[in-house]
Amino acid sequence: MKWCAAGTPRMAGRGITLRHWLALANFLADRDPAGTKVLLRGIGPYLGSTPAYGYFWMRQSEGFQAVRRWVG
């Protein structure tokens, strides 16, 4: 996340949503699984109320689990 010139986003609210979108973008582009693993470690094991995965999967939890499996 070297492009975050303003620092690391907070983990509350938008910070978690941002991490979900970044993890999803990395998964869809098939790039940087190691960086995505770090993002998911910051997010934790729960999806929460982030709608990002609902744009690509019928069930958001399926998308979140697909990203988690991708990073190993």
C-alpha atoms as a PDB file:
ATOM      1  CA  MET A   1       0.000   0.000   0.000  1.00  0.00           C
ATOM      2  CA  LYS A   2       2.841   2.361  -0.865  1.00  0.00           C
ATOM      3  CA  TRP A   3       0.433   4.745  -2.643  1.00  0.00           C
ATOM      4  CA  CYS A   4      -1.314   5.720   0.633  1.00  0.00           C
ATOM      5  CA  ALA A   5       0.445   9.063   1.014  1.00  0.00           C
ATOM      6  CA  ALA A   6      -1.921  10.242   3.744  1.00  0.00           C
ATOM      7  CA  GLY A   7      -1.218   7.192   5.894  1.00  0.00           C
ATOM      8  CA  THR A   8      -3.167   4.056   6.626  1.00  0.00           C
ATOM      9  CA  PRO A   9      -6.961   4.446   6.702  1.00  0.00           C
ATOM     10  CA  ARG A  10      -8.600   3.869  10.062  1.00  0.00           C
ATOM     11  CA  MET A  11     -10.212   0.501  10.648  1.00  0.00           C
ATOM     12  CA  ALA A  12     -13.596   1.973  11.474  1.00  0.00           C
ATOM     13  CA  GLY A  13     -16.294   2.372   8.854  1.00  0.00           C
ATOM     14  CA  ARG A  14     -14.782   3.492   5.588  1.00  0.00           C
ATOM     15  CA  GLY A  15     -11.365   2.026   6.401  1.00  0.00           C
ATOM     16  CA  ILE A  16     -12.758  -1.496   6.468  1.00  0.00           C
ATOM     17  CA  THR A  17     -14.862  -0.863   3.363  1.00  0.00           C
ATOM     18  CA  LEU A  18     -11.770   0.410   1.551  1.00  0.00           C
ATOM     19  CA  ARG A  19      -9.814  -2.722   2.509  1.00  0.00           C
ATOM     20  CA  HIS A  20     -12.635  -4.946   1.228  1.00  0.00           C
ATOM     21  CA  TRP A  21     -12.656  -3.117  -2.122  1.00  0.00           C
ATOM     22  CA  LEU A  22      -8.852  -3.310  -2.417  1.00  0.00           C
ATOM     23  CA  ALA A  23      -8.869  -7.027  -1.637  1.00  0.00           C
ATOM     24  CA  LEU A  24     -11.634  -7.589  -4.177  1.00  0.00           C
ATOM     25  CA  ALA A  25      -9.814  -5.552  -6.841  1.00  0.00           C
ATOM     26  CA  ASN A  26      -6.626  -7.560  -6.302  1.00  0.00           C
ATOM     27  CA  PHE A  27      -8.594 -10.817  -6.556  1.00  0.00           C
ATOM     28  CA  LEU A  28     -10.369  -9.788  -9.758  1.00  0.00           C
ATOM     29  CA  ALA A  29      -7.085  -8.588 -11.317  1.00  0.00           C
ATOM     30  CA  ASP A  30      -5.299 -11.732 -10.080  1.00  0.00           C
ATOM     31  CA  ARG A  31      -2.434  -9.742  -8.600  1.00  0.00           C
ATOM     32  CA  ASP A  32      -0.668  -9.312  -5.273  1.00  0.00           C
ATOM     33  CA  PRO A  33      -2.032 -12.200  -3.201  1.00  0.00           C
ATOM     34  CA  ALA A  34       0.535 -11.459  -0.474  1.00  0.00           C
ATOM     35  CA  GLY A  35      -0.661  -7.862  -0.139  1.00  0.00           C
ATOM     36  CA  THR A  36      -4.257  -9.039  -0.187  1.00  0.00           C
ATOM     37  CA  LYS A  37      -3.490 -11.456   2.616  1.00  0.00           C
ATOM     38  CA  VAL A  38      -2.267  -8.511   4.705  1.00  0.00           C
ATOM     39  CA  LEU A  39      -5.474  -6.609   3.913  1.00  0.00           C
ATOM     40  CA  LEU A  40      -7.617  -9.570   4.948  1.00  0.00           C
ATOM     41  CA  ARG A  41      -5.646  -9.954   8.151  1.00  0.00           C
ATOM     42  CA  GLY A  42      -6.548  -6.342   8.944  1.00  0.00           C
ATOM     43  CA  ILE A  43     -10.208  -6.923   8.091  1.00  0.00           C
ATOM     44  CA  GLY A  44     -10.566 -10.079  10.136  1.00  0.00           C
ATOM     45  CA  PRO A  45     -12.627 -13.204   9.468  1.00  0.00           C
ATOM     46  CA  TYR A  46     -16.011 -11.479   9.154  1.00  0.00           C
ATOM     47  CA  LEU A  47     -17.649  -9.834   6.169  1.00  0.00           C
ATOM     48  CA  GLY A  48     -19.569  -7.222   8.120  1.00  0.00           C
ATOM     49  CA  SER A  49     -21.915  -4.886   6.236  1.00  0.00           C
ATOM     50  CA  THR A  50     -19.682  -4.189   3.224  1.00  0.00           C
ATOM     51  CA  PRO A  51     -21.647  -4.565  -0.036  1.00  0.00           C
ATOM     52  CA  ALA A  52     -18.578  -4.822  -2.333  1.00  0.00           C
ATOM     53  CA  TYR A  53     -18.861  -8.529  -3.073  1.00  0.00           C
ATOM     54  CA  GLY A  54     -22.567  -8.289  -3.896  1.00  0.00           C
ATOM     55  CA  TYR A  55     -21.726  -6.709  -7.241  1.00  0.00           C
ATOM     56  CA  PHE A  56     -20.005  -9.907  -8.395  1.00  0.00           C
ATOM     57  CA  TRP A  57     -21.624 -12.760  -6.407  1.00  0.00           C
ATOM     58  CA  MET A  58     -25.234 -13.482  -5.552  1.00  0.00           C
ATOM     59  CA  ARG A  59     -24.217 -13.912  -1.920  1.00  0.00           C
ATOM     60  CA  GLN A  60     -21.644 -11.496  -0.560  1.00  0.00           C
ATOM     61  CA  SER A  61     -20.255 -14.121   1.782  1.00  0.00           C
ATOM     62  CA  GLU A  62     -19.378 -16.353  -1.210  1.00  0.00           C
ATOM     63  CA  GLY A  63     -17.276 -13.576  -2.703  1.00  0.00           C
ATOM     64  CA  PHE A  64     -15.539 -12.858   0.575  1.00  0.00           C
ATOM     65  CA  GLN A  65     -14.748 -16.559   1.040  1.00  0.00           C
ATOM     66  CA  ALA A  66     -13.473 -16.806  -2.569  1.00  0.00           C
ATOM     67  CA  VAL A  67     -10.996 -13.994  -1.897  1.00  0.00           C
ATOM     68  CA  ARG A  68      -9.925 -15.621   1.382  1.00  0.00           C
ATOM     69  CA  ARG A  69      -9.329 -18.957  -0.368  1.00  0.00           C
ATOM     70  CA  TRP A  70      -7.398 -17.225  -3.162  1.00  0.00           C
ATOM     71  CA  VAL A  71      -4.806 -15.826  -0.767  1.00  0.00           C
ATOM     72  CA  GLY A  72      -4.441 -19.196   0.925  1.00  0.00           C
END
